[in-house]
Amino acid sequence: MQPTLYSYTAAFQEKAAQELGCLPPPCRRNVVSEDCSAVGTFVEDYGSVRAEIRAIEDR
């Protein structure tokens, strides 16, 4: 079974980029620190998963 990839409008993506820009840099996975963002790490991981799904779709 293949998960659904959702599409986002340019305006929605811009708002997300602005919000992400306010975060500190992503943390190393599973490392808790005050000077990094766990949410940023989640977003990076999500981007990797989306890229992998796209590669499967392109087969």
PDB file of N, CA and C in Angstrom:
ATOM      1  N   MET A   1       0.838  -1.180   0.000  1.00  0.00           N
ATOM      2  CA  MET A   1       0.000   0.000   0.000  1.00  0.00           C
ATOM      3  C   MET A   1       0.883   1.245   0.000  1.00  0.00           C
ATOM      4  N   GLN A   2       0.504   2.197  -0.791  1.00  0.00           N
ATOM      5  CA  GLN A   2       1.284   3.429  -0.919  1.00  0.00           C
ATOM      6  C   GLN A   2       0.526   4.591  -0.281  1.00  0.00           C
ATOM      7  N   PRO A   3       1.177   5.355   0.595  1.00  0.00           N
ATOM      8  CA  PRO A   3       0.499   6.484   1.222  1.00  0.00           C
ATOM      9  C   PRO A   3       0.216   7.603   0.217  1.00  0.00           C
ATOM     10  N   THR A   4      -0.763   8.406   0.537  1.00  0.00           N
ATOM     11  CA  THR A   4      -1.131   9.544  -0.296  1.00  0.00           C
ATOM     12  C   THR A   4      -0.209  10.721  -0.007  1.00  0.00           C
ATOM     13  N   LEU A   5       0.307  11.347  -1.056  1.00  0.00           N
ATOM     14  CA  LEU A   5       1.067  12.588  -0.904  1.00  0.00           C
ATOM     15  C   LEU A   5       0.120  13.748  -1.157  1.00  0.00           C
ATOM     16  N   TYR A   6       0.018  14.637  -0.203  1.00  0.00           N
ATOM     17  CA  TYR A   6      -0.858  15.787  -0.345  1.00  0.00           C
ATOM     18  C   TYR A   6      -0.125  16.920  -1.029  1.00  0.00           C
ATOM     19  N   SER A   7      -0.874  17.713  -1.761  1.00  0.00           N
ATOM     20  CA  SER A   7      -0.323  18.906  -2.411  1.00  0.00           C
ATOM     21  C   SER A   7      -0.697  20.120  -1.580  1.00  0.00           C
ATOM     22  N   TYR A   8       0.158  21.123  -1.592  1.00  0.00           N
ATOM     23  CA  TYR A   8      -0.079  22.349  -0.837  1.00  0.00           C
ATOM     24  C   TYR A   8       0.051  23.539  -1.777  1.00  0.00           C
ATOM     25  N   THR A   9      -0.779  24.553  -1.574  1.00  0.00           N
ATOM     26  CA  THR A   9      -0.713  25.748  -2.407  1.00  0.00           C
ATOM     27  C   THR A   9       0.588  26.489  -2.127  1.00  0.00           C
ATOM     28  N   ALA A  10       0.963  27.343  -3.050  1.00  0.00           N
ATOM     29  CA  ALA A  10       2.176  28.153  -2.876  1.00  0.00           C
ATOM     30  C   ALA A  10       2.059  29.029  -1.633  1.00  0.00           C
ATOM     31  N   ALA A  11       0.877  29.599  -1.394  1.00  0.00           N
ATOM     32  CA  ALA A  11       0.672  30.460  -0.218  1.00  0.00           C
ATOM     33  C   ALA A  11       0.847  29.670   1.074  1.00  0.00           C
ATOM     34  N   PHE A  12       0.330  28.449   1.099  1.00  0.00           N
ATOM     35  CA  PHE A  12       0.456  27.610   2.287  1.00  0.00           C
ATOM     36  C   PHE A  12       1.918  27.235   2.524  1.00  0.00           C
ATOM     37  N   GLN A  13       2.624  26.894   1.453  1.00  0.00           N
ATOM     38  CA  GLN A  13       4.042  26.554   1.561  1.00  0.00           C
ATOM     39  C   GLN A  13       4.863  27.754   2.027  1.00  0.00           C
ATOM     40  N   GLU A  14       4.526  28.941   1.554  1.00  0.00           N
ATOM     41  CA  GLU A  14       5.235  30.156   1.977  1.00  0.00           C
ATOM     42  C   GLU A  14       5.039  30.401   3.466  1.00  0.00           C
ATOM     43  N   LYS A  15       3.801  30.238   3.947  1.00  0.00           N
ATOM     44  CA  LYS A  15       3.532  30.424   5.380  1.00  0.00           C
ATOM     45  C   LYS A  15       4.331  29.417   6.198  1.00  0.00           C
ATOM     46  N   ALA A  16       4.358  28.169   5.750  1.00  0.00           N
ATOM     47  CA  ALA A  16       5.125  27.140   6.462  1.00  0.00           C
ATOM     48  C   ALA A  16       6.615  27.494   6.478  1.00  0.00           C
ATOM     49  N   ALA A  17       7.133  27.975   5.358  1.00  0.00           N
ATOM     50  CA  ALA A  17       8.552  28.359   5.277  1.00  0.00           C
ATOM     51  C   ALA A  17       8.860  29.497   6.242  1.00  0.00           C
ATOM     52  N   GLN A  18       7.953  30.466   6.334  1.00  0.00           N
ATOM     53  CA  GLN A  18       8.159  31.578   7.267  1.00  0.00           C
ATOM     54  C   GLN A  18       8.191  31.077   8.707  1.00  0.00           C
ATOM     55  N   GLU A  19       7.271  30.187   9.034  1.00  0.00           N
ATOM     56  CA  GLU A  19       7.234  29.652  10.395  1.00  0.00           C
ATOM     57  C   GLU A  19       8.473  28.821  10.694  1.00  0.00           C
ATOM     58  N   LEU A  20       8.889  27.992   9.741  1.00  0.00           N
ATOM     59  CA  LEU A  20      10.087  27.181   9.945  1.00  0.00           C
ATOM     60  C   LEU A  20      11.333  28.045  10.077  1.00  0.00           C
ATOM     61  N   GLY A  21      11.331  29.181   9.369  1.00  0.00           N
ATOM     62  CA  GLY A  21      12.462  30.095   9.442  1.00  0.00           C
ATOM     63  C   GLY A  21      12.667  30.692  10.823  1.00  0.00           C
ATOM     64  N   CYS A  22      11.634  30.651  11.650  1.00  0.00           N
ATOM     65  CA  CYS A  22      11.718  31.193  13.014  1.00  0.00           C
ATOM     66  C   CYS A  22      12.291  30.180  14.005  1.00  0.00           C
ATOM     67  N   LEU A  23      12.411  28.932  13.571  1.00  0.00           N
ATOM     68  CA  LEU A  23      12.914  27.888  14.468  1.00  0.00           C
ATOM     69  C   LEU A  23      14.439  27.883  14.494  1.00  0.00           C
ATOM     70  N   PRO A  24      14.998  27.429  15.602  1.00  0.00           N
ATOM     71  CA  PRO A  24      16.449  27.205  15.609  1.00  0.00           C
ATOM     72  C   PRO A  24      16.773  26.036  14.676  1.00  0.00           C
ATOM     73  N   PRO A  25      18.053  25.784  14.421  1.00  0.00           N
ATOM     74  CA  PRO A  25      18.418  24.678  13.533  1.00  0.00           C
ATOM     75  C   PRO A  25      17.902  23.337  14.073  1.00  0.00           C
ATOM     76  N   PRO A  26      17.681  22.371  13.181  1.00  0.00           N
ATOM     77  CA  PRO A  26      17.208  21.060  13.631  1.00  0.00           C
ATOM     78  C   PRO A  26      18.201  20.396  14.580  1.00  0.00           C
ATOM     79  N   CYS A  27      17.656  19.614  15.504  1.00  0.00           N
ATOM     80  CA  CYS A  27      18.499  18.826  16.415  1.00  0.00           C
ATOM     81  C   CYS A  27      19.030  17.600  15.676  1.00  0.00           C
ATOM     82  N   ARG A  28      20.104  17.054  16.190  1.00  0.00           N
ATOM     83  CA  ARG A  28      20.499  15.723  15.734  1.00  0.00           C
ATOM     84  C   ARG A  28      19.435  14.768  16.256  1.00  0.00           C
ATOM     85  N   ARG A  29      19.131  13.750  15.490  1.00  0.00           N
ATOM     86  CA  ARG A  29      18.057  12.833  15.854  1.00  0.00           C
ATOM     87  C   ARG A  29      18.248  12.285  17.270  1.00  0.00           C
ATOM     88  N   ASN A  30      17.206  12.401  18.057  1.00  0.00           N
ATOM     89  CA  ASN A  30      17.136  11.894  19.432  1.00  0.00           C
ATOM     90  C   ASN A  30      18.087  12.580  20.405  1.00  0.00           C
ATOM     91  N   VAL A  31      18.545  13.779  20.068  1.00  0.00           N
ATOM     92  CA  VAL A  31      19.379  14.556  20.977  1.00  0.00           C
ATOM     93  C   VAL A  31      18.559  15.764  21.415  1.00  0.00           C
ATOM     94  N   VAL A  32      18.336  15.896  22.712  1.00  0.00           N
ATOM     95  CA  VAL A  32      17.544  16.992  23.247  1.00  0.00           C
ATOM     96  C   VAL A  32      18.483  18.100  23.696  1.00  0.00           C
ATOM     97  N   SER A  33      18.217  19.308  23.201  1.00  0.00           N
ATOM     98  CA  SER A  33      19.046  20.455  23.543  1.00  0.00           C
ATOM     99  C   SER A  33      18.199  21.710  23.437  1.00  0.00           C
ATOM    100  N   GLU A  34      18.528  22.721  24.193  1.00  0.00           N
ATOM    101  CA  GLU A  34      17.795  23.990  24.169  1.00  0.00           C
ATOM    102  C   GLU A  34      18.095  24.808  22.920  1.00  0.00           C
ATOM    103  N   ASP A  35      19.208  24.531  22.241  1.00  0.00           N
ATOM    104  CA  ASP A  35      19.601  25.368  21.097  1.00  0.00           C
ATOM    105  C   ASP A  35      19.303  24.737  19.744  1.00  0.00           C
ATOM    106  N   CYS A  36      18.369  23.762  19.730  1.00  0.00           N
ATOM    107  CA  CYS A  36      17.983  23.160  18.459  1.00  0.00           C
ATOM    108  C   CYS A  36      16.485  22.863  18.464  1.00  0.00           C
ATOM    109  N   SER A  37      15.960  22.507  17.295  1.00  0.00           N
ATOM    110  CA  SER A  37      14.525  22.287  17.131  1.00  0.00           C
ATOM    111  C   SER A  37      14.224  20.831  16.797  1.00  0.00           C
ATOM    112  N   ALA A  38      13.493  20.159  17.686  1.00  0.00           N
ATOM    113  CA  ALA A  38      13.029  18.798  17.396  1.00  0.00           C
ATOM    114  C   ALA A  38      12.029  18.826  16.243  1.00  0.00           C
ATOM    115  N   VAL A  39      11.192  19.852  16.190  1.00  0.00           N
ATOM    116  CA  VAL A  39      10.224  19.985  15.102  1.00  0.00           C
ATOM    117  C   VAL A  39      10.960  20.095  13.767  1.00  0.00           C
ATOM    118  N   GLY A  40      12.052  20.836  13.734  1.00  0.00           N
ATOM    119  CA  GLY A  40      12.844  20.953  12.518  1.00  0.00           C
ATOM    120  C   GLY A  40      13.363  19.605  12.055  1.00  0.00           C
ATOM    121  N   THR A  41      13.745  18.758  13.003  1.00  0.00           N
ATOM    122  CA  THR A  41      14.199  17.412  12.669  1.00  0.00           C
ATOM    123  C   THR A  41      13.052  16.592  12.086  1.00  0.00           C
ATOM    124  N   PHE A  42      11.861  16.693  12.696  1.00  0.00           N
ATOM    125  CA  PHE A  42      10.693  15.993  12.157  1.00  0.00           C
ATOM    126  C   PHE A  42      10.414  16.422  10.721  1.00  0.00           C
ATOM    127  N   VAL A  43      10.504  17.718  10.455  1.00  0.00           N
ATOM    128  CA  VAL A  43      10.226  18.235   9.115  1.00  0.00           C
ATOM    129  C   VAL A  43      11.241  17.695   8.112  1.00  0.00           C
ATOM    130  N   GLU A  44      12.507  17.675   8.481  1.00  0.00           N
ATOM    131  CA  GLU A  44      13.528  17.122   7.585  1.00  0.00           C
ATOM    132  C   GLU A  44      13.261  15.647   7.299  1.00  0.00           C
ATOM    133  N   ASP A  45      12.906  14.887   8.340  1.00  0.00           N
ATOM    134  CA  ASP A  45      12.618  13.468   8.153  1.00  0.00           C
ATOM    135  C   ASP A  45      11.410  13.279   7.238  1.00  0.00           C
ATOM    136  N   TYR A  46      10.398  14.093   7.424  1.00  0.00           N
ATOM    137  CA  TYR A  46       9.196  14.026   6.589  1.00  0.00           C
ATOM    138  C   TYR A  46       9.553  14.300   5.127  1.00  0.00           C
ATOM    139  N   GLY A  47      10.417  15.259   4.902  1.00  0.00           N
ATOM    140  CA  GLY A  47      10.858  15.565   3.541  1.00  0.00           C
ATOM    141  C   GLY A  47      11.566  14.377   2.909  1.00  0.00           C
ATOM    142  N   SER A  48      12.356  13.681   3.684  1.00  0.00           N
ATOM    143  CA  SER A  48      13.050  12.496   3.173  1.00  0.00           C
ATOM    144  C   SER A  48      12.056  11.402   2.797  1.00  0.00           C
ATOM    145  N   VAL A  49      11.051  11.198   3.632  1.00  0.00           N
ATOM    146  CA  VAL A  49      10.041  10.185   3.347  1.00  0.00           C
ATOM    147  C   VAL A  49       9.270  10.554   2.080  1.00  0.00           C
ATOM    148  N   ARG A  50       8.904  11.819   1.926  1.00  0.00           N
ATOM    149  CA  ARG A  50       8.197  12.258   0.717  1.00  0.00           C
ATOM    150  C   ARG A  50       9.046  11.994  -0.526  1.00  0.00           C
ATOM    151  N   ALA A  51      10.330  12.263  -0.449  1.00  0.00           N
ATOM    152  CA  ALA A  51      11.220  12.025  -1.596  1.00  0.00           C
ATOM    153  C   ALA A  51      11.270  10.532  -1.946  1.00  0.00           C
ATOM    154  N   GLU A  52      11.304   9.681  -0.925  1.00  0.00           N
ATOM    155  CA  GLU A  52      11.321   8.250  -1.173  1.00  0.00           C
ATOM    156  C   GLU A  52      10.013   7.788  -1.830  1.00  0.00           C
ATOM    157  N   ILE A  53       8.888   8.334  -1.372  1.00  0.00           N
ATOM    158  CA  ILE A  53       7.593   7.970  -1.959  1.00  0.00           C
ATOM    159  C   ILE A  53       7.531   8.439  -3.420  1.00  0.00           C
ATOM    160  N   ARG A  54       8.023   9.636  -3.695  1.00  0.00           N
ATOM    161  CA  ARG A  54       8.037  10.126  -5.073  1.00  0.00           C
ATOM    162  C   ARG A  54       8.853   9.184  -5.966  1.00  0.00           C
ATOM    163  N   ALA A  55       9.984   8.715  -5.442  1.00  0.00           N
ATOM    164  CA  ALA A  55      10.833   7.810  -6.223  1.00  0.00           C
ATOM    165  C   ALA A  55      10.086   6.506  -6.537  1.00  0.00           C
ATOM    166  N   ILE A  56       9.295   6.036  -5.596  1.00  0.00           N
ATOM    167  CA  ILE A  56       8.489   4.827  -5.832  1.00  0.00           C
ATOM    168  C   ILE A  56       7.430   5.109  -6.884  1.00  0.00           C
ATOM    169  N   GLU A  57       6.792   6.274  -6.810  1.00  0.00           N
ATOM    170  CA  GLU A  57       5.759   6.636  -7.775  1.00  0.00           C
ATOM    171  C   GLU A  57       6.313   6.740  -9.189  1.00  0.00           C
ATOM    172  N   ASP A  58       7.565   7.162  -9.317  1.00  0.00           N
ATOM    173  CA  ASP A  58       8.172   7.367 -10.627  1.00  0.00           C
ATOM    174  C   ASP A  58       8.621   6.068 -11.286  1.00  0.00           C
ATOM    175  N   ARG A  59       8.543   4.965 -10.587  1.00  0.00           N
ATOM    176  CA  ARG A  59       8.960   3.683 -11.166  1.00  0.00           C
ATOM    177  C   ARG A  59       7.997   3.201 -12.205  1.00  0.00           C
TER     178      ARG A  59
END
